[in-house]
Amino acid sequence: MKIAFYTAKPYDRIWFEPMAEKYHMDILFLEAPCRPNTLDLASGCDAICVFINDQISSQMIDRLCDMKVKAILLRSAGFNHVDIEAARGKIHVLRVPSYSPEAVAEYATAMLLTVNRFTHRAYTRTRDFNMSINGLMGTDLHEKTAGIIGTGKIGQSMIRILKGFRMKVYAYDLYPDNSLDVEYVDLPELFKKSHVISLHCPLTKDTYHIIDKAAISNMQQGVYLINTSRGALIDTNALIDGLLEKKIAGVGLDVYEEESGVFYEDLSDKIIQDNTLARLMTFPNVLVTSHMGFFTSEAMQAIAIETMENALALEKGQKLVNEV
């Protein structure tokens, strides 16, 4: 089986090359993202493998079918970057439903601790031998209230971590898991009661801009907001307004609405054209990172194994348990 591997980075090769050898598959590593003008690079391949910022439209799906490509292999749990309805009945879309929920939850916690205690700013100061702590005052998390939006595996891991801080935890999910030791509330109540809000839900039509101007207005003064899921869960302009009004004490963003073409790339010698992202980066209480919450050795290994097992199941005509 031959696979065109789009948006390939050096760290992808570390994990996928041994797996390709193990499964006797041929991977064509492509640094280019998957776009209409790069589809021809997959000519002669049985499948393509894409990441979260490779946007696969209905027109691209039709083109892949014409090229006799059998499957789109996702190196992610989320699939909002693929037109699933257009793919249905035409081409298989196989995802990695779970790799390391602990990795993302631990990273979300690290972001919370950083924006709360200003460790990112303290690091910069002390590197210049500025040992003043003025302006770096945080708040105890102990006995505060956290609101978790989305109680899948990552959300559950986040709940366990925050309970370790002796925080009171409320949860919201369109499909509550009543086996969990957590109190489910509706969104307005979660917004009103939570000192910390962390997003762990997929991006769907129901969750698009789940954090908007109305939601922020209903939150506590001095709330902390963490997003390690998908950028479009938050209306960025509403978020900036909340920061300007000092409604929000701190924000940790590992994702961004318009991250495609920016995140995972080195643009340090470029002029950033996204004025909204540039504005966000000016706030001292905002931490933005490049969608790396998943990025641990354990998670990367799990992604490689599951992706290649999806390809193997397709090749052998086995049941496709991870088909979207």
C-alpha atoms as a PDB file:
ATOM      1  CA  MET A   1       0.000   0.000   0.000  1.00  0.00           C
ATOM      2  CA  LYS A   2       1.292   3.456  -0.902  1.00  0.00           C
ATOM      3  CA  ILE A   3       0.388   6.469   1.220  1.00  0.00           C
ATOM      4  CA  ALA A   4       0.921  10.167   0.445  1.00  0.00           C
ATOM      5  CA  PHE A   5       1.787  11.762   3.784  1.00  0.00           C
ATOM      6  CA  TYR A   6       1.009  15.485   3.668  1.00  0.00           C
ATOM      7  CA  THR A   7       2.383  18.246   5.927  1.00  0.00           C
ATOM      8  CA  ALA A   8       5.229  15.973   6.993  1.00  0.00           C
ATOM      9  CA  LYS A   9       7.520  17.265   9.732  1.00  0.00           C
ATOM     10  CA  PRO A  10      10.814  15.774  10.948  1.00  0.00           C
ATOM     11  CA  TYR A  11       9.138  14.407  14.077  1.00  0.00           C
ATOM     12  CA  ASP A  12       6.545  12.589  11.947  1.00  0.00           C
ATOM     13  CA  ARG A  13       9.280  10.616  10.213  1.00  0.00           C
ATOM     14  CA  ILE A  14      10.696   9.461  13.558  1.00  0.00           C
ATOM     15  CA  TRP A  15       7.505   7.583  14.347  1.00  0.00           C
ATOM     16  CA  PHE A  16       6.014   6.730  10.951  1.00  0.00           C
ATOM     17  CA  GLU A  17       9.061   5.428   9.097  1.00  0.00           C
ATOM     18  CA  PRO A  18       9.539   2.433  11.462  1.00  0.00           C
ATOM     19  CA  MET A  19       5.794   1.729  11.350  1.00  0.00           C
ATOM     20  CA  ALA A  20       5.791   1.773   7.530  1.00  0.00           C
ATOM     21  CA  GLU A  21       8.648  -0.725   7.520  1.00  0.00           C
ATOM     22  CA  LYS A  22       6.882  -2.917  10.059  1.00  0.00           C
ATOM     23  CA  TYR A  23       3.633  -2.975   8.050  1.00  0.00           C
ATOM     24  CA  HIS A  24       5.423  -3.239   4.662  1.00  0.00           C
ATOM     25  CA  MET A  25       3.901  -0.009   3.368  1.00  0.00           C
ATOM     26  CA  ASP A  26       5.368   2.746   1.243  1.00  0.00           C
ATOM     27  CA  ILE A  27       5.006   6.263   2.633  1.00  0.00           C
ATOM     28  CA  LEU A  28       5.661   9.259   0.391  1.00  0.00           C
ATOM     29  CA  PHE A  29       6.509  12.063   2.835  1.00  0.00           C
ATOM     30  CA  LEU A  30       5.435  15.473   1.519  1.00  0.00           C
ATOM     31  CA  GLU A  31       6.264  18.729   3.273  1.00  0.00           C
ATOM     32  CA  ALA A  32       3.472  20.447   1.364  1.00  0.00           C
ATOM     33  CA  PRO A  33       0.021  20.757   2.922  1.00  0.00           C
ATOM     34  CA  CYS A  34      -2.888  18.982   1.271  1.00  0.00           C
ATOM     35  CA  ARG A  35      -4.475  21.563  -1.005  1.00  0.00           C
ATOM     36  CA  PRO A  36      -6.198  21.384  -4.413  1.00  0.00           C
ATOM     37  CA  ASN A  37      -2.929  22.273  -6.125  1.00  0.00           C
ATOM     38  CA  THR A  38      -0.966  19.537  -4.307  1.00  0.00           C
ATOM     39  CA  LEU A  39      -3.367  16.627  -4.812  1.00  0.00           C
ATOM     40  CA  ASP A  40      -1.513  15.458  -7.900  1.00  0.00           C
ATOM     41  CA  LEU A  41       1.437  14.625  -5.648  1.00  0.00           C
ATOM     42  CA  ALA A  42      -0.680  11.687  -4.439  1.00  0.00           C
ATOM     43  CA  SER A  43      -0.972  10.242  -7.932  1.00  0.00           C
ATOM     44  CA  GLY A  44      -0.624   6.467  -7.790  1.00  0.00           C
ATOM     45  CA  CYS A  45      -1.217   6.311  -4.043  1.00  0.00           C
ATOM     46  CA  ASP A  46      -3.844   4.175  -2.345  1.00  0.00           C
ATOM     47  CA  ALA A  47      -4.431   6.641   0.487  1.00  0.00           C
ATOM     48  CA  ILE A  48      -3.492  10.082   1.735  1.00  0.00           C
ATOM     49  CA  CYS A  49      -2.592  10.896   5.336  1.00  0.00           C
ATOM     50  CA  VAL A  50      -3.431  14.400   6.573  1.00  0.00           C
ATOM     51  CA  PHE A  51      -3.233  16.495   9.717  1.00  0.00           C
ATOM     52  CA  ILE A  52      -5.597  19.014  11.291  1.00  0.00           C
ATOM     53  CA  ASN A  53      -4.757  22.007   9.086  1.00  0.00           C
ATOM     54  CA  ASP A  54      -5.132  20.090   5.826  1.00  0.00           C
ATOM     55  CA  GLN A  55      -8.597  21.184   4.691  1.00  0.00           C
ATOM     56  CA  ILE A  56     -10.290  18.536   2.546  1.00  0.00           C
ATOM     57  CA  SER A  57     -13.241  19.943   0.564  1.00  0.00           C
ATOM     58  CA  SER A  58     -15.924  18.129  -1.407  1.00  0.00           C
ATOM     59  CA  GLN A  59     -14.187  19.074  -4.674  1.00  0.00           C
ATOM     60  CA  MET A  60     -10.931  17.602  -3.394  1.00  0.00           C
ATOM     61  CA  ILE A  61     -12.746  14.409  -2.404  1.00  0.00           C
ATOM     62  CA  ASP A  62     -14.159  14.062  -5.922  1.00  0.00           C
ATOM     63  CA  ARG A  63     -10.669  14.557  -7.325  1.00  0.00           C
ATOM     64  CA  LEU A  64      -9.232  11.900  -4.971  1.00  0.00           C
ATOM     65  CA  CYS A  65     -11.915   9.467  -6.105  1.00  0.00           C
ATOM     66  CA  ASP A  66     -11.013  10.142  -9.729  1.00  0.00           C
ATOM     67  CA  MET A  67      -7.404   9.334  -8.773  1.00  0.00           C
ATOM     68  CA  LYS A  68      -8.573   5.981  -7.303  1.00  0.00           C
ATOM     69  CA  VAL A  69      -7.475   6.989  -3.784  1.00  0.00           C
ATOM     70  CA  LYS A  70      -9.316   4.700  -1.371  1.00  0.00           C
ATOM     71  CA  ALA A  71      -8.945   6.464   1.953  1.00  0.00           C
ATOM     72  CA  ILE A  72      -8.163   9.638   3.860  1.00  0.00           C
ATOM     73  CA  LEU A  73      -6.145   8.718   6.958  1.00  0.00           C
ATOM     74  CA  LEU A  74      -6.414  11.333   9.708  1.00  0.00           C
ATOM     75  CA  ARG A  75      -3.566  11.759  12.182  1.00  0.00           C
ATOM     76  CA  SER A  76      -6.044  13.210  14.658  1.00  0.00           C
ATOM     77  CA  ALA A  77      -9.186  12.508  16.620  1.00  0.00           C
ATOM     78  CA  GLY A  78     -11.016  15.541  15.244  1.00  0.00           C
ATOM     79  CA  PHE A  79     -12.374  15.471  11.697  1.00  0.00           C
ATOM     80  CA  ASN A  80     -13.893  18.926  11.244  1.00  0.00           C
ATOM     81  CA  HIS A  81     -11.275  19.675   8.550  1.00  0.00           C
ATOM     82  CA  VAL A  82     -12.805  17.076   6.206  1.00  0.00           C
ATOM     83  CA  ASP A  83     -16.159  17.378   4.424  1.00  0.00           C
ATOM     84  CA  ILE A  84     -17.514  14.156   5.896  1.00  0.00           C
ATOM     85  CA  GLU A  85     -20.876  14.335   4.140  1.00  0.00           C
ATOM     86  CA  ALA A  86     -19.185  14.663   0.772  1.00  0.00           C
ATOM     87  CA  ALA A  87     -16.934  11.695   1.600  1.00  0.00           C
ATOM     88  CA  ARG A  88     -19.738   9.393   2.680  1.00  0.00           C
ATOM     89  CA  GLY A  89     -20.110   6.488   0.286  1.00  0.00           C
ATOM     90  CA  LYS A  90     -17.208   7.693  -1.869  1.00  0.00           C
ATOM     91  CA  ILE A  91     -14.014   7.396   0.144  1.00  0.00           C
ATOM     92  CA  HIS A  92     -13.096   6.012   3.570  1.00  0.00           C
ATOM     93  CA  VAL A  93     -12.173   8.519   6.288  1.00  0.00           C
ATOM     94  CA  LEU A  94     -10.306   6.887   9.177  1.00  0.00           C
ATOM     95  CA  ARG A  95      -9.306   8.740  12.329  1.00  0.00           C
ATOM     96  CA  VAL A  96      -7.326   8.159  15.513  1.00  0.00           C
ATOM     97  CA  PRO A  97     -10.050   8.384  18.163  1.00  0.00           C
ATOM     98  CA  SER A  98      -7.750   8.306  21.177  1.00  0.00           C
ATOM     99  CA  TYR A  99      -4.002   8.548  21.585  1.00  0.00           C
ATOM    100  CA  SER A 100      -3.092  10.257  24.881  1.00  0.00           C
ATOM    101  CA  PRO A 101      -5.864  12.195  26.570  1.00  0.00           C
ATOM    102  CA  GLU A 102      -3.562  12.723  29.531  1.00  0.00           C
ATOM    103  CA  ALA A 103      -1.089  14.594  27.326  1.00  0.00           C
ATOM    104  CA  VAL A 104      -3.669  17.213  26.337  1.00  0.00           C
ATOM    105  CA  ALA A 105      -5.168  17.536  29.820  1.00  0.00           C
ATOM    106  CA  GLU A 106      -1.744  17.909  31.416  1.00  0.00           C
ATOM    107  CA  TYR A 107      -0.867  20.581  28.860  1.00  0.00           C
ATOM    108  CA  ALA A 108      -4.133  22.438  29.517  1.00  0.00           C
ATOM    109  CA  THR A 109      -3.255  22.417  33.209  1.00  0.00           C
ATOM    110  CA  ALA A 110       0.227  23.745  32.440  1.00  0.00           C
ATOM    111  CA  MET A 111      -1.344  26.601  30.456  1.00  0.00           C
ATOM    112  CA  LEU A 112      -3.685  27.397  33.339  1.00  0.00           C
ATOM    113  CA  LEU A 113      -0.840  27.486  35.858  1.00  0.00           C
ATOM    114  CA  THR A 114       1.254  29.620  33.513  1.00  0.00           C
ATOM    115  CA  VAL A 115      -1.323  32.336  32.834  1.00  0.00           C
ATOM    116  CA  ASN A 116      -2.428  32.341  36.468  1.00  0.00           C
ATOM    117  CA  ARG A 117       1.068  32.627  37.974  1.00  0.00           C
ATOM    118  CA  PHE A 118       2.737  34.458  35.049  1.00  0.00           C
ATOM    119  CA  THR A 119       5.617  32.018  34.832  1.00  0.00           C
ATOM    120  CA  HIS A 120       6.110  32.890  31.150  1.00  0.00           C
ATOM    121  CA  ARG A 121       6.648  36.545  32.056  1.00  0.00           C
ATOM    122  CA  ALA A 122       8.764  35.698  35.099  1.00  0.00           C
ATOM    123  CA  TYR A 123      11.066  33.591  32.902  1.00  0.00           C
ATOM    124  CA  THR A 124      11.582  36.483  30.490  1.00  0.00           C
ATOM    125  CA  ARG A 125      12.254  38.919  33.324  1.00  0.00           C
ATOM    126  CA  THR A 126      14.777  36.822  35.165  1.00  0.00           C
ATOM    127  CA  ARG A 127      16.641  36.052  31.930  1.00  0.00           C
ATOM    128  CA  ASP A 128      17.359  39.809  31.909  1.00  0.00           C
ATOM    129  CA  PHE A 129      18.115  39.751  35.648  1.00  0.00           C
ATOM    130  CA  ASN A 130      14.949  41.674  36.384  1.00  0.00           C
ATOM    131  CA  MET A 131      14.003  40.020  39.660  1.00  0.00           C
ATOM    132  CA  SER A 132      10.975  42.223  40.393  1.00  0.00           C
ATOM    133  CA  ILE A 133       7.757  40.310  41.015  1.00  0.00           C
ATOM    134  CA  ASN A 134       5.554  43.357  40.712  1.00  0.00           C
ATOM    135  CA  GLY A 135       2.574  42.635  38.454  1.00  0.00           C
ATOM    136  CA  LEU A 136       2.970  38.851  38.629  1.00  0.00           C
ATOM    137  CA  MET A 137       0.445  38.116  41.375  1.00  0.00           C
ATOM    138  CA  GLY A 138      -1.758  35.076  40.740  1.00  0.00           C
ATOM    139  CA  THR A 139      -4.527  33.392  42.684  1.00  0.00           C
ATOM    140  CA  ASP A 140      -4.901  30.067  44.506  1.00  0.00           C
ATOM    141  CA  LEU A 141      -6.668  27.349  42.557  1.00  0.00           C
ATOM    142  CA  HIS A 142      -7.383  25.491  45.793  1.00  0.00           C
ATOM    143  CA  GLU A 143     -11.150  25.469  46.503  1.00  0.00           C
ATOM    144  CA  LYS A 144     -11.932  27.493  43.370  1.00  0.00           C
ATOM    145  CA  THR A 145     -14.509  26.269  40.829  1.00  0.00           C
ATOM    146  CA  ALA A 146     -13.690  24.873  37.386  1.00  0.00           C
ATOM    147  CA  GLY A 147     -16.056  24.373  34.481  1.00  0.00           C
ATOM    148  CA  ILE A 148     -15.187  21.620  32.004  1.00  0.00           C
ATOM    149  CA  ILE A 149     -16.917  21.781  28.630  1.00  0.00           C
ATOM    150  CA  GLY A 150     -16.725  18.341  27.051  1.00  0.00           C
ATOM    151  CA  THR A 151     -16.348  15.181  29.122  1.00  0.00           C
ATOM    152  CA  GLY A 152     -14.758  12.760  26.696  1.00  0.00           C
ATOM    153  CA  LYS A 153     -11.462  11.127  27.602  1.00  0.00           C
ATOM    154  CA  ILE A 154      -9.520  14.398  27.667  1.00  0.00           C
ATOM    155  CA  GLY A 155     -12.188  16.188  29.676  1.00  0.00           C
ATOM    156  CA  GLN A 156     -12.284  13.305  32.140  1.00  0.00           C
ATOM    157  CA  SER A 157      -8.523  13.477  32.587  1.00  0.00           C
ATOM    158  CA  MET A 158      -8.781  17.234  33.168  1.00  0.00           C
ATOM    159  CA  ILE A 159     -11.454  16.677  35.806  1.00  0.00           C
ATOM    160  CA  ARG A 160      -9.192  14.259  37.672  1.00  0.00           C
ATOM    161  CA  ILE A 161      -6.278  16.699  37.590  1.00  0.00           C
ATOM    162  CA  LEU A 162      -8.280  19.693  38.808  1.00  0.00           C
ATOM    163  CA  LYS A 163      -9.851  17.664  41.585  1.00  0.00           C
ATOM    164  CA  GLY A 164      -6.273  17.037  42.683  1.00  0.00           C
ATOM    165  CA  PHE A 165      -6.063  20.782  43.315  1.00  0.00           C
ATOM    166  CA  ARG A 166      -9.172  20.369  45.488  1.00  0.00           C
ATOM    167  CA  MET A 167     -11.219  22.379  43.038  1.00  0.00           C
ATOM    168  CA  LYS A 168     -14.982  22.131  42.754  1.00  0.00           C
ATOM    169  CA  VAL A 169     -15.724  20.891  39.225  1.00  0.00           C
ATOM    170  CA  TYR A 170     -18.835  21.402  37.107  1.00  0.00           C
ATOM    171  CA  ALA A 171     -19.233  19.899  33.648  1.00  0.00           C
ATOM    172  CA  TYR A 172     -21.233  20.426  30.485  1.00  0.00           C
ATOM    173  CA  ASP A 173     -21.632  18.011  27.591  1.00  0.00           C
ATOM    174  CA  LEU A 174     -24.318  17.539  24.954  1.00  0.00           C
ATOM    175  CA  TYR A 175     -24.143  13.842  25.851  1.00  0.00           C
ATOM    176  CA  PRO A 176     -23.530  13.613  29.614  1.00  0.00           C
ATOM    177  CA  ASP A 177     -21.754  10.563  31.024  1.00  0.00           C
ATOM    178  CA  ASN A 178     -23.663   9.864  34.215  1.00  0.00           C
ATOM    179  CA  SER A 179     -21.072   7.322  35.334  1.00  0.00           C
ATOM    180  CA  LEU A 180     -18.614  10.151  36.045  1.00  0.00           C
ATOM    181  CA  ASP A 181     -18.148  11.625  39.499  1.00  0.00           C
ATOM    182  CA  VAL A 182     -18.947  15.161  38.375  1.00  0.00           C
ATOM    183  CA  GLU A 183     -21.954  17.453  38.506  1.00  0.00           C
ATOM    184  CA  TYR A 184     -23.399  18.364  35.102  1.00  0.00           C
ATOM    185  CA  VAL A 185     -24.959  21.817  34.726  1.00  0.00           C
ATOM    186  CA  ASP A 186     -26.201  23.841  31.774  1.00  0.00           C
ATOM    187  CA  LEU A 187     -23.870  26.305  30.077  1.00  0.00           C
ATOM    188  CA  PRO A 188     -25.209  29.536  31.641  1.00  0.00           C
ATOM    189  CA  GLU A 189     -24.772  28.052  35.118  1.00  0.00           C
ATOM    190  CA  LEU A 190     -21.283  26.791  34.299  1.00  0.00           C
ATOM    191  CA  PHE A 191     -20.283  30.228  32.995  1.00  0.00           C
ATOM    192  CA  LYS A 192     -21.710  31.959  36.043  1.00  0.00           C
ATOM    193  CA  LYS A 193     -20.108  29.717  38.676  1.00  0.00           C
ATOM    194  CA  SER A 194     -16.677  28.919  37.241  1.00  0.00           C
ATOM    195  CA  HIS A 195     -13.414  30.678  38.073  1.00  0.00           C
ATOM    196  CA  VAL A 196     -11.712  28.541  35.411  1.00  0.00           C
ATOM    197  CA  ILE A 197     -13.250  27.280  32.150  1.00  0.00           C
ATOM    198  CA  SER A 198     -11.469  24.671  30.038  1.00  0.00           C
ATOM    199  CA  LEU A 199     -12.689  23.503  26.621  1.00  0.00           C
ATOM    200  CA  HIS A 200     -12.413  19.820  25.678  1.00  0.00           C
ATOM    201  CA  CYS A 201     -15.168  19.303  23.104  1.00  0.00           C
ATOM    202  CA  PRO A 202     -15.038  18.706  19.344  1.00  0.00           C
ATOM    203  CA  LEU A 203     -15.875  21.433  16.854  1.00  0.00           C
ATOM    204  CA  THR A 204     -19.350  20.890  15.413  1.00  0.00           C
ATOM    205  CA  LYS A 205     -22.201  23.115  14.299  1.00  0.00           C
ATOM    206  CA  ASP A 206     -23.472  22.951  17.897  1.00  0.00           C
ATOM    207  CA  THR A 207     -20.170  24.030  19.476  1.00  0.00           C
ATOM    208  CA  TYR A 208     -19.023  26.637  16.941  1.00  0.00           C
ATOM    209  CA  HIS A 209     -18.368  29.850  18.922  1.00  0.00           C
ATOM    210  CA  ILE A 210     -19.694  28.242  22.079  1.00  0.00           C
ATOM    211  CA  ILE A 211     -17.703  31.004  23.760  1.00  0.00           C
ATOM    212  CA  ASP A 212     -19.109  34.213  22.298  1.00  0.00           C
ATOM    213  CA  LYS A 213     -19.929  37.709  23.546  1.00  0.00           C
ATOM    214  CA  ALA A 214     -23.037  36.538  25.414  1.00  0.00           C
ATOM    215  CA  ALA A 215     -21.171  33.670  27.067  1.00  0.00           C
ATOM    216  CA  ILE A 216     -18.323  35.931  28.194  1.00  0.00           C
ATOM    217  CA  SER A 217     -20.765  38.503  29.596  1.00  0.00           C
ATOM    218  CA  ASN A 218     -22.278  35.736  31.736  1.00  0.00           C
ATOM    219  CA  MET A 219     -18.905  34.680  33.182  1.00  0.00           C
ATOM    220  CA  GLN A 220     -17.418  35.695  36.504  1.00  0.00           C
ATOM    221  CA  GLN A 221     -15.201  38.747  36.686  1.00  0.00           C
ATOM    222  CA  GLY A 222     -11.595  37.551  36.517  1.00  0.00           C
ATOM    223  CA  VAL A 223     -12.302  34.195  34.857  1.00  0.00           C
ATOM    224  CA  TYR A 224      -9.509  32.100  33.323  1.00  0.00           C
ATOM    225  CA  LEU A 225     -10.207  30.519  29.935  1.00  0.00           C
ATOM    226  CA  ILE A 226      -8.221  27.602  28.473  1.00  0.00           C
ATOM    227  CA  ASN A 227      -8.699  26.105  24.999  1.00  0.00           C
ATOM    228  CA  THR A 228      -6.717  23.088  23.804  1.00  0.00           C
ATOM    229  CA  SER A 229      -9.459  21.706  21.518  1.00  0.00           C
ATOM    230  CA  ARG A 230     -10.354  23.677  18.383  1.00  0.00           C
ATOM    231  CA  GLY A 231      -9.913  27.384  17.733  1.00  0.00           C
ATOM    232  CA  ALA A 232     -13.401  28.069  16.404  1.00  0.00           C
ATOM    233  CA  LEU A 233     -14.957  27.104  19.741  1.00  0.00           C
ATOM    234  CA  ILE A 234     -14.156  30.710  20.693  1.00  0.00           C
ATOM    235  CA  ASP A 235     -15.214  33.904  18.935  1.00  0.00           C
ATOM    236  CA  THR A 236     -11.798  35.576  18.934  1.00  0.00           C
ATOM    237  CA  ASN A 237     -13.137  39.121  18.578  1.00  0.00           C
ATOM    238  CA  ALA A 238     -15.435  38.581  21.558  1.00  0.00           C
ATOM    239  CA  LEU A 239     -12.471  37.199  23.485  1.00  0.00           C
ATOM    240  CA  ILE A 240     -10.415  40.310  22.760  1.00  0.00           C
ATOM    241  CA  ASP A 241     -13.298  42.500  23.917  1.00  0.00           C
ATOM    242  CA  GLY A 242     -13.483  40.496  27.151  1.00  0.00           C
ATOM    243  CA  LEU A 243      -9.764  41.001  27.697  1.00  0.00           C
ATOM    244  CA  LEU A 244      -9.973  44.736  27.018  1.00  0.00           C
ATOM    245  CA  GLU A 245     -12.844  45.028  29.481  1.00  0.00           C
ATOM    246  CA  LYS A 246     -10.749  43.071  32.026  1.00  0.00           C
ATOM    247  CA  LYS A 247     -13.556  40.553  32.373  1.00  0.00           C
ATOM    248  CA  ILE A 248     -11.040  37.792  31.693  1.00  0.00           C
ATOM    249  CA  ALA A 249      -8.002  37.449  33.961  1.00  0.00           C
ATOM    250  CA  GLY A 250      -6.029  35.081  31.775  1.00  0.00           C
ATOM    251  CA  VAL A 251      -6.269  33.041  28.583  1.00  0.00           C
ATOM    252  CA  GLY A 252      -4.373  29.980  27.419  1.00  0.00           C
ATOM    253  CA  LEU A 253      -4.840  29.157  23.730  1.00  0.00           C
ATOM    254  CA  ASP A 254      -3.182  26.169  22.114  1.00  0.00           C
ATOM    255  CA  VAL A 255      -5.531  26.576  19.148  1.00  0.00           C
ATOM    256  CA  TYR A 256      -6.799  29.475  17.073  1.00  0.00           C
ATOM    257  CA  GLU A 257      -9.655  30.002  14.605  1.00  0.00           C
ATOM    258  CA  GLU A 258      -7.395  30.841  11.655  1.00  0.00           C
ATOM    259  CA  GLU A 259      -4.342  28.772  12.558  1.00  0.00           C
ATOM    260  CA  SER A 260      -3.982  27.051   9.190  1.00  0.00           C
ATOM    261  CA  GLY A 261      -0.819  28.236   7.440  1.00  0.00           C
ATOM    262  CA  VAL A 262       0.509  29.769  10.658  1.00  0.00           C
ATOM    263  CA  PHE A 263       0.695  27.091  13.331  1.00  0.00           C
ATOM    264  CA  TYR A 264       3.461  24.487  12.863  1.00  0.00           C
ATOM    265  CA  GLU A 265       5.390  26.905  10.624  1.00  0.00           C
ATOM    266  CA  ASP A 266       8.422  29.109  11.315  1.00  0.00           C
ATOM    267  CA  LEU A 267       7.289  32.635  10.433  1.00  0.00           C
ATOM    268  CA  SER A 268       9.810  34.419  12.643  1.00  0.00           C
ATOM    269  CA  ASP A 269      11.224  36.367   9.690  1.00  0.00           C
ATOM    270  CA  LYS A 270       7.812  37.191   8.211  1.00  0.00           C
ATOM    271  CA  ILE A 271       5.318  39.989   8.759  1.00  0.00           C
ATOM    272  CA  ILE A 272       2.190  38.440  10.274  1.00  0.00           C
ATOM    273  CA  GLN A 273      -0.830  39.302   8.149  1.00  0.00           C
ATOM    274  CA  ASP A 274      -3.425  38.199  10.714  1.00  0.00           C
ATOM    275  CA  ASN A 275      -4.157  41.369  12.694  1.00  0.00           C
ATOM    276  CA  THR A 276      -6.422  39.530  15.127  1.00  0.00           C
ATOM    277  CA  LEU A 277      -3.739  37.027  16.095  1.00  0.00           C
ATOM    278  CA  ALA A 278      -1.162  39.812  16.323  1.00  0.00           C
ATOM    279  CA  ARG A 279      -3.509  41.727  18.661  1.00  0.00           C
ATOM    280  CA  LEU A 280      -3.996  38.671  20.864  1.00  0.00           C
ATOM    281  CA  MET A 281      -0.249  38.280  21.251  1.00  0.00           C
ATOM    282  CA  THR A 282       0.054  41.778  22.753  1.00  0.00           C
ATOM    283  CA  PHE A 283      -1.860  40.914  25.927  1.00  0.00           C
ATOM    284  CA  PRO A 284       0.451  40.065  28.849  1.00  0.00           C
ATOM    285  CA  ASN A 285      -2.159  37.689  30.299  1.00  0.00           C
ATOM    286  CA  VAL A 286      -2.599  35.668  27.096  1.00  0.00           C
ATOM    287  CA  LEU A 287      -0.476  32.621  26.288  1.00  0.00           C
ATOM    288  CA  VAL A 288      -0.652  31.312  22.710  1.00  0.00           C
ATOM    289  CA  THR A 289       1.088  28.095  21.680  1.00  0.00           C
ATOM    290  CA  SER A 290       1.120  26.243  18.380  1.00  0.00           C
ATOM    291  CA  HIS A 291      -1.403  23.400  18.846  1.00  0.00           C
ATOM    292  CA  MET A 292       1.079  21.204  20.710  1.00  0.00           C
ATOM    293  CA  GLY A 293      -1.027  19.887  23.582  1.00  0.00           C
ATOM    294  CA  PHE A 294      -0.888  16.381  22.108  1.00  0.00           C
ATOM    295  CA  PHE A 295       2.869  16.509  21.521  1.00  0.00           C
ATOM    296  CA  THR A 296       4.414  13.832  23.728  1.00  0.00           C
ATOM    297  CA  SER A 297       6.419  10.790  22.699  1.00  0.00           C
ATOM    298  CA  GLU A 298       3.659   8.520  23.981  1.00  0.00           C
ATOM    299  CA  ALA A 299       0.999  10.319  21.958  1.00  0.00           C
ATOM    300  CA  MET A 300       3.066  10.417  18.772  1.00  0.00           C
ATOM    301  CA  GLN A 301       3.763   6.698  19.018  1.00  0.00           C
ATOM    302  CA  ALA A 302       0.072   5.960  19.587  1.00  0.00           C
ATOM    303  CA  ILE A 303      -0.932   8.127  16.603  1.00  0.00           C
ATOM    304  CA  ALA A 304       1.535   6.352  14.325  1.00  0.00           C
ATOM    305  CA  ILE A 305       0.426   2.889  15.434  1.00  0.00           C
ATOM    306  CA  GLU A 306      -3.303   3.617  15.134  1.00  0.00           C
ATOM    307  CA  THR A 307      -2.940   5.361  11.766  1.00  0.00           C
ATOM    308  CA  MET A 308      -0.983   2.478  10.275  1.00  0.00           C
ATOM    309  CA  GLU A 309      -3.365  -0.091  11.740  1.00  0.00           C
ATOM    310  CA  ASN A 310      -6.212   1.801  10.079  1.00  0.00           C
ATOM    311  CA  ALA A 311      -4.327   1.528   6.775  1.00  0.00           C
ATOM    312  CA  LEU A 312      -3.634  -2.175   7.352  1.00  0.00           C
ATOM    313  CA  ALA A 313      -7.311  -2.898   8.070  1.00  0.00           C
ATOM    314  CA  LEU A 314      -8.224  -1.162   4.819  1.00  0.00           C
ATOM    315  CA  GLU A 315      -5.598  -3.101   2.855  1.00  0.00           C
ATOM    316  CA  LYS A 316      -6.741  -6.466   4.266  1.00  0.00           C
ATOM    317  CA  GLY A 317     -10.448  -5.744   3.900  1.00  0.00           C
ATOM    318  CA  GLN A 318     -11.026  -5.918   7.646  1.00  0.00           C
ATOM    319  CA  LYS A 319     -13.641  -4.044   9.651  1.00  0.00           C
ATOM    320  CA  LEU A 320     -12.816  -0.333   9.750  1.00  0.00           C
ATOM    321  CA  VAL A 321     -13.490   0.357  13.422  1.00  0.00           C
ATOM    322  CA  ASN A 322     -12.184   3.934  13.253  1.00  0.00           C
ATOM    323  CA  GLU A 323     -14.128   5.044  10.199  1.00  0.00           C
ATOM    324  CA  VAL A 324     -15.854   8.387  10.663  1.00  0.00           C
END
